[in-house]
Amino acid sequence: MNGIGKALIYMGLIIAAIGVVVTFADKLPWLGRLPGDIHIKRENFTFYFPLATSIIISVLLSLILWLFRR
């Protein structure tokens, strides 16, 4: 049961961190508007894919999880 408890605590911390990021995302003007983000706007169609932002967030999360496992 110790393993399940630790997993729930880690998941709770991750969810809380995501909540903080979502809450303060409007204060980070560069988030979602990096040079590698794809934004296509047509008459009746808008496509937005934050590629560069996703890569940066993935690298940061990987680094944080690597530090926790160490």
PDB file of N, CA and C in Angstrom:
ATOM      1  N   MET A   1       0.810  -1.199   0.000  1.00  0.00           N
ATOM      2  CA  MET A   1       0.000   0.000   0.000  1.00  0.00           C
ATOM      3  C   MET A   1       0.852   1.260   0.000  1.00  0.00           C
ATOM      4  N   ASN A   2       2.112   1.163   0.413  1.00  0.00           N
ATOM      5  CA  ASN A   2       2.980   2.347   0.420  1.00  0.00           C
ATOM      6  C   ASN A   2       3.182   2.879  -0.990  1.00  0.00           C
ATOM      7  N   GLY A   3       3.311   1.995  -1.961  1.00  0.00           N
ATOM      8  CA  GLY A   3       3.525   2.411  -3.346  1.00  0.00           C
ATOM      9  C   GLY A   3       2.342   3.192  -3.887  1.00  0.00           C
ATOM     10  N   ILE A   4       1.135   2.747  -3.564  1.00  0.00           N
ATOM     11  CA  ILE A   4      -0.065   3.439  -4.033  1.00  0.00           C
ATOM     12  C   ILE A   4      -0.166   4.811  -3.377  1.00  0.00           C
ATOM     13  N   GLY A   5       0.147   4.885  -2.102  1.00  0.00           N
ATOM     14  CA  GLY A   5       0.106   6.166  -1.393  1.00  0.00           C
ATOM     15  C   GLY A   5       1.073   7.180  -1.974  1.00  0.00           C
ATOM     16  N   LYS A   6       2.292   6.733  -2.242  1.00  0.00           N
ATOM     17  CA  LYS A   6       3.281   7.633  -2.834  1.00  0.00           C
ATOM     18  C   LYS A   6       2.856   8.083  -4.228  1.00  0.00           C
ATOM     19  N   ALA A   7       2.305   7.165  -5.000  1.00  0.00           N
ATOM     20  CA  ALA A   7       1.853   7.514  -6.348  1.00  0.00           C
ATOM     21  C   ALA A   7       0.729   8.550  -6.290  1.00  0.00           C
ATOM     22  N   LEU A   8      -0.194   8.392  -5.355  1.00  0.00           N
ATOM     23  CA  LEU A   8      -1.273   9.362  -5.216  1.00  0.00           C
ATOM     24  C   LEU A   8      -0.755  10.733  -4.783  1.00  0.00           C
ATOM     25  N   ILE A   9       0.230  10.744  -3.912  1.00  0.00           N
ATOM     26  CA  ILE A   9       0.814  12.021  -3.487  1.00  0.00           C
ATOM     27  C   ILE A   9       1.499  12.704  -4.660  1.00  0.00           C
ATOM     28  N   TYR A  10       2.273  11.960  -5.441  1.00  0.00           N
ATOM     29  CA  TYR A  10       2.951  12.547  -6.600  1.00  0.00           C
ATOM     30  C   TYR A  10       1.946  13.054  -7.631  1.00  0.00           C
ATOM     31  N   MET A  11       0.897  12.275  -7.862  1.00  0.00           N
ATOM     32  CA  MET A  11      -0.117  12.705  -8.821  1.00  0.00           C
ATOM     33  C   MET A  11      -0.826  13.967  -8.336  1.00  0.00           C
ATOM     34  N   GLY A  12      -1.071  14.050  -7.046  1.00  0.00           N
ATOM     35  CA  GLY A  12      -1.690  15.248  -6.478  1.00  0.00           C
ATOM     36  C   GLY A  12      -0.800  16.471  -6.631  1.00  0.00           C
ATOM     37  N   LEU A  13       0.498  16.289  -6.415  1.00  0.00           N
ATOM     38  CA  LEU A  13       1.437  17.409  -6.589  1.00  0.00           C
ATOM     39  C   LEU A  13       1.508  17.847  -8.049  1.00  0.00           C
ATOM     40  N   ILE A  14       1.479  16.890  -8.943  1.00  0.00           N
ATOM     41  CA  ILE A  14       1.513  17.230 -10.373  1.00  0.00           C
ATOM     42  C   ILE A  14       0.244  17.975 -10.774  1.00  0.00           C
ATOM     43  N   ILE A  15      -0.902  17.518 -10.302  1.00  0.00           N
ATOM     44  CA  ILE A  15      -2.160  18.193 -10.620  1.00  0.00           C
ATOM     45  C   ILE A  15      -2.173  19.597 -10.028  1.00  0.00           C
ATOM     46  N   ALA A  16      -1.653  19.763  -8.815  1.00  0.00           N
ATOM     47  CA  ALA A  16      -1.584  21.092  -8.209  1.00  0.00           C
ATOM     48  C   ALA A  16      -0.658  22.003  -9.005  1.00  0.00           C
ATOM     49  N   ALA A  17       0.471  21.473  -9.473  1.00  0.00           N
ATOM     50  CA  ALA A  17       1.393  22.281 -10.278  1.00  0.00           C
ATOM     51  C   ALA A  17       0.755  22.696 -11.598  1.00  0.00           C
ATOM     52  N   ILE A  18       0.015  21.791 -12.219  1.00  0.00           N
ATOM     53  CA  ILE A  18      -0.689  22.134 -13.453  1.00  0.00           C
ATOM     54  C   ILE A  18      -1.731  23.209 -13.179  1.00  0.00           C
ATOM     55  N   GLY A  19      -2.409  23.126 -12.064  1.00  0.00           N
ATOM     56  CA  GLY A  19      -3.384  24.149 -11.686  1.00  0.00           C
ATOM     57  C   GLY A  19      -2.749  25.515 -11.511  1.00  0.00           C
ATOM     58  N   VAL A  20      -1.575  25.550 -10.904  1.00  0.00           N
ATOM     59  CA  VAL A  20      -0.860  26.822 -10.734  1.00  0.00           C
ATOM     60  C   VAL A  20      -0.453  27.389 -12.087  1.00  0.00           C
ATOM     61  N   VAL A  21       0.031  26.534 -12.973  1.00  0.00           N
ATOM     62  CA  VAL A  21       0.437  26.992 -14.312  1.00  0.00           C
ATOM     63  C   VAL A  21      -0.763  27.539 -15.072  1.00  0.00           C
ATOM     64  N   VAL A  22      -1.895  26.840 -15.015  1.00  0.00           N
ATOM     65  CA  VAL A  22      -3.089  27.299 -15.717  1.00  0.00           C
ATOM     66  C   VAL A  22      -3.591  28.617 -15.124  1.00  0.00           C
ATOM     67  N   THR A  23      -3.511  28.762 -13.822  1.00  0.00           N
ATOM     68  CA  THR A  23      -3.965  29.980 -13.176  1.00  0.00           C
ATOM     69  C   THR A  23      -3.128  31.184 -13.576  1.00  0.00           C
ATOM     70  N   PHE A  24      -1.817  31.005 -13.650  1.00  0.00           N
ATOM     71  CA  PHE A  24      -0.939  32.123 -13.948  1.00  0.00           C
ATOM     72  C   PHE A  24      -0.456  32.148 -15.392  1.00  0.00           C
ATOM     73  N   ALA A  25      -1.080  31.375 -16.281  1.00  0.00           N
ATOM     74  CA  ALA A  25      -0.650  31.304 -17.680  1.00  0.00           C
ATOM     75  C   ALA A  25      -0.820  32.633 -18.396  1.00  0.00           C
ATOM     76  N   ASP A  26      -1.829  33.422 -18.012  1.00  0.00           N
ATOM     77  CA  ASP A  26      -2.022  34.699 -18.680  1.00  0.00           C
ATOM     78  C   ASP A  26      -0.942  35.714 -18.316  1.00  0.00           C
ATOM     79  N   LYS A  27      -0.216  35.473 -17.257  1.00  0.00           N
ATOM     80  CA  LYS A  27       0.883  36.359 -16.867  1.00  0.00           C
ATOM     81  C   LYS A  27       2.190  36.021 -17.585  1.00  0.00           C
ATOM     82  N   LEU A  28       2.197  34.917 -18.325  1.00  0.00           N
ATOM     83  CA  LEU A  28       3.347  34.518 -19.136  1.00  0.00           C
ATOM     84  C   LEU A  28       2.997  34.746 -20.600  1.00  0.00           C
ATOM     85  N   PRO A  29       3.283  35.925 -21.139  1.00  0.00           N
ATOM     86  CA  PRO A  29       2.830  36.239 -22.499  1.00  0.00           C
ATOM     87  C   PRO A  29       3.481  35.380 -23.585  1.00  0.00           C
ATOM     88  N   TRP A  30       4.641  34.818 -23.326  1.00  0.00           N
ATOM     89  CA  TRP A  30       5.329  34.005 -24.327  1.00  0.00           C
ATOM     90  C   TRP A  30       4.759  32.600 -24.414  1.00  0.00           C
ATOM     91  N   LEU A  31       4.020  32.169 -23.402  1.00  0.00           N
ATOM     92  CA  LEU A  31       3.488  30.811 -23.377  1.00  0.00           C
ATOM     93  C   LEU A  31       2.431  30.644 -24.464  1.00  0.00           C
ATOM     94  N   GLY A  32       2.707  29.787 -25.431  1.00  0.00           N
ATOM     95  CA  GLY A  32       1.797  29.558 -26.528  1.00  0.00           C
ATOM     96  C   GLY A  32       2.034  30.453 -27.724  1.00  0.00           C
ATOM     97  N   ARG A  33       3.042  31.300 -27.667  1.00  0.00           N
ATOM     98  CA  ARG A  33       3.332  32.208 -28.781  1.00  0.00           C
ATOM     99  C   ARG A  33       4.808  32.199 -29.146  1.00  0.00           C
ATOM    100  N   LEU A  34       5.401  31.041 -29.083  1.00  0.00           N
ATOM    101  CA  LEU A  34       6.808  30.910 -29.420  1.00  0.00           C
ATOM    102  C   LEU A  34       6.971  30.794 -30.935  1.00  0.00           C
ATOM    103  N   PRO A  35       8.174  31.038 -31.449  1.00  0.00           N
ATOM    104  CA  PRO A  35       8.385  30.999 -32.897  1.00  0.00           C
ATOM    105  C   PRO A  35       8.061  29.661 -33.563  1.00  0.00           C
ATOM    106  N   GLY A  36       8.106  28.555 -32.867  1.00  0.00           N
ATOM    107  CA  GLY A  36       7.826  27.264 -33.483  1.00  0.00           C
ATOM    108  C   GLY A  36       6.373  26.831 -33.416  1.00  0.00           C
ATOM    109  N   ASP A  37       5.510  27.642 -32.823  1.00  0.00           N
ATOM    110  CA  ASP A  37       4.097  27.301 -32.727  1.00  0.00           C
ATOM    111  C   ASP A  37       3.415  27.510 -34.079  1.00  0.00           C
ATOM    112  N   ILE A  38       2.540  26.578 -34.437  1.00  0.00           N
ATOM    113  CA  ILE A  38       1.876  26.621 -35.731  1.00  0.00           C
ATOM    114  C   ILE A  38       0.500  27.262 -35.564  1.00  0.00           C
ATOM    115  N   HIS A  39       0.250  28.310 -36.353  1.00  0.00           N
ATOM    116  CA  HIS A  39      -1.021  29.021 -36.300  1.00  0.00           C
ATOM    117  C   HIS A  39      -1.450  29.334 -37.732  1.00  0.00           C
ATOM    118  N   ILE A  40      -2.543  28.705 -38.163  1.00  0.00           N
ATOM    119  CA  ILE A  40      -3.071  28.923 -39.510  1.00  0.00           C
ATOM    120  C   ILE A  40      -4.479  29.485 -39.364  1.00  0.00           C
ATOM    121  N   LYS A  41      -4.705  30.641 -39.965  1.00  0.00           N
ATOM    122  CA  LYS A  41      -6.019  31.277 -39.890  1.00  0.00           C
ATOM    123  C   LYS A  41      -6.528  31.535 -41.301  1.00  0.00           C
ATOM    124  N   ARG A  42      -7.683  30.975 -41.609  1.00  0.00           N
ATOM    125  CA  ARG A  42      -8.339  31.156 -42.906  1.00  0.00           C
ATOM    126  C   ARG A  42      -9.695  31.829 -42.664  1.00  0.00           C
ATOM    127  N   GLU A  43     -10.512  31.874 -43.695  1.00  0.00           N
ATOM    128  CA  GLU A  43     -11.825  32.515 -43.566  1.00  0.00           C
ATOM    129  C   GLU A  43     -12.673  31.893 -42.458  1.00  0.00           C
ATOM    130  N   ASN A  44     -12.980  30.619 -42.593  1.00  0.00           N
ATOM    131  CA  ASN A  44     -13.852  29.939 -41.630  1.00  0.00           C
ATOM    132  C   ASN A  44     -13.125  28.846 -40.859  1.00  0.00           C
ATOM    133  N   PHE A  45     -11.831  28.963 -40.767  1.00  0.00           N
ATOM    134  CA  PHE A  45     -11.042  27.882 -40.190  1.00  0.00           C
ATOM    135  C   PHE A  45      -9.834  28.452 -39.467  1.00  0.00           C
ATOM    136  N   THR A  46      -9.623  27.998 -38.253  1.00  0.00           N
ATOM    137  CA  THR A  46      -8.432  28.377 -37.492  1.00  0.00           C
ATOM    138  C   THR A  46      -7.816  27.107 -36.927  1.00  0.00           C
ATOM    139  N   PHE A  47      -6.538  26.934 -37.170  1.00  0.00           N
ATOM    140  CA  PHE A  47      -5.805  25.779 -36.649  1.00  0.00           C
ATOM    141  C   PHE A  47      -4.625  26.308 -35.844  1.00  0.00           C
ATOM    142  N   TYR A  48      -4.517  25.840 -34.601  1.00  0.00           N
ATOM    143  CA  TYR A  48      -3.430  26.273 -33.730  1.00  0.00           C
ATOM    144  C   TYR A  48      -2.839  25.057 -33.048  1.00  0.00           C
ATOM    145  N   PHE A  49      -1.541  24.874 -33.216  1.00  0.00           N
ATOM    146  CA  PHE A  49      -0.841  23.779 -32.560  1.00  0.00           C
ATOM    147  C   PHE A  49       0.447  24.325 -31.948  1.00  0.00           C
ATOM    148  N   PRO A  50       0.521  24.405 -30.623  1.00  0.00           N
ATOM    149  CA  PRO A  50       1.695  24.973 -29.948  1.00  0.00           C
ATOM    150  C   PRO A  50       2.855  23.972 -29.884  1.00  0.00           C
ATOM    151  N   LEU A  51       3.507  23.745 -30.999  1.00  0.00           N
ATOM    152  CA  LEU A  51       4.563  22.739 -31.094  1.00  0.00           C
ATOM    153  C   LEU A  51       5.762  23.087 -30.211  1.00  0.00           C
ATOM    154  N   ALA A  52       6.305  24.278 -30.355  1.00  0.00           N
ATOM    155  CA  ALA A  52       7.482  24.673 -29.573  1.00  0.00           C
ATOM    156  C   ALA A  52       7.161  24.730 -28.077  1.00  0.00           C
ATOM    157  N   THR A  53       5.985  25.242 -27.740  1.00  0.00           N
ATOM    158  CA  THR A  53       5.586  25.301 -26.329  1.00  0.00           C
ATOM    159  C   THR A  53       5.463  23.897 -25.754  1.00  0.00           C
ATOM    160  N   SER A  54       4.898  22.964 -26.518  1.00  0.00           N
ATOM    161  CA  SER A  54       4.764  21.579 -26.062  1.00  0.00           C
ATOM    162  C   SER A  54       6.123  20.928 -25.834  1.00  0.00           C
ATOM    163  N   ILE A  55       7.056  21.196 -26.725  1.00  0.00           N
ATOM    164  CA  ILE A  55       8.397  20.619 -26.577  1.00  0.00           C
ATOM    165  C   ILE A  55       9.079  21.157 -25.328  1.00  0.00           C
ATOM    166  N   ILE A  56       8.971  22.465 -25.096  1.00  0.00           N
ATOM    167  CA  ILE A  56       9.605  23.064 -23.909  1.00  0.00           C
ATOM    168  C   ILE A  56       8.976  22.523 -22.629  1.00  0.00           C
ATOM    169  N   ILE A  57       7.656  22.421 -22.596  1.00  0.00           N
ATOM    170  CA  ILE A  57       6.990  21.884 -21.405  1.00  0.00           C
ATOM    171  C   ILE A  57       7.382  20.427 -21.190  1.00  0.00           C
ATOM    172  N   SER A  58       7.494  19.660 -22.251  1.00  0.00           N
ATOM    173  CA  SER A  58       7.896  18.261 -22.139  1.00  0.00           C
ATOM    174  C   SER A  58       9.313  18.130 -21.584  1.00  0.00           C
ATOM    175  N   VAL A  59      10.230  18.951 -22.077  1.00  0.00           N
ATOM    176  CA  VAL A  59      11.609  18.914 -21.581  1.00  0.00           C
ATOM    177  C   VAL A  59      11.657  19.295 -20.106  1.00  0.00           C
ATOM    178  N   LEU A  60      10.917  20.335 -19.723  1.00  0.00           N
ATOM    179  CA  LEU A  60      10.908  20.756 -18.318  1.00  0.00           C
ATOM    180  C   LEU A  60      10.322  19.676 -17.409  1.00  0.00           C
ATOM    181  N   LEU A  61       9.217  19.063 -17.828  1.00  0.00           N
ATOM    182  CA  LEU A  61       8.624  17.999 -17.014  1.00  0.00           C
ATOM    183  C   LEU A  61       9.535  16.780 -16.932  1.00  0.00           C
ATOM    184  N   SER A  62      10.194  16.447 -18.029  1.00  0.00           N
ATOM    185  CA  SER A  62      11.134  15.326 -18.013  1.00  0.00           C
ATOM    186  C   SER A  62      12.290  15.591 -17.061  1.00  0.00           C
ATOM    187  N   LEU A  63      12.792  16.808 -17.064  1.00  0.00           N
ATOM    188  CA  LEU A  63      13.881  17.182 -16.152  1.00  0.00           C
ATOM    189  C   LEU A  63      13.433  17.115 -14.696  1.00  0.00           C
ATOM    190  N   ILE A  64      12.240  17.622 -14.420  1.00  0.00           N
ATOM    191  CA  ILE A  64      11.738  17.599 -13.048  1.00  0.00           C
ATOM    192  C   ILE A  64      11.524  16.150 -12.575  1.00  0.00           C
ATOM    193  N   LEU A  65      10.922  15.327 -13.424  1.00  0.00           N
ATOM    194  CA  LEU A  65      10.707  13.927 -13.032  1.00  0.00           C
ATOM    195  C   LEU A  65      12.015  13.171 -12.886  1.00  0.00           C
ATOM    196  N   TRP A  66      12.995  13.485 -13.715  1.00  0.00           N
ATOM    197  CA  TRP A  66      14.313  12.858 -13.587  1.00  0.00           C
ATOM    198  C   TRP A  66      14.958  13.238 -12.259  1.00  0.00           C
ATOM    199  N   LEU A  67      14.795  14.499 -11.849  1.00  0.00           N
ATOM    200  CA  LEU A  67      15.374  14.936 -10.577  1.00  0.00           C
ATOM    201  C   LEU A  67      14.681  14.245  -9.396  1.00  0.00           C
ATOM    202  N   PHE A  68      13.362  14.027  -9.482  1.00  0.00           N
ATOM    203  CA  PHE A  68      12.644  13.344  -8.408  1.00  0.00           C
ATOM    204  C   PHE A  68      13.030  11.884  -8.292  1.00  0.00           C
ATOM    205  N   ARG A  69      13.315  11.238  -9.408  1.00  0.00           N
ATOM    206  CA  ARG A  69      13.675   9.818  -9.387  1.00  0.00           C
ATOM    207  C   ARG A  69      15.087   9.594  -8.897  1.00  0.00           C
ATOM    208  N   ARG A  70      15.907  10.602  -8.964  1.00  0.00           N
ATOM    209  CA  ARG A  70      17.293  10.485  -8.565  1.00  0.00           C
ATOM    210  C   ARG A  70      17.423  10.418  -7.110  1.00  0.00           C
TER     211      ARG A  70
END
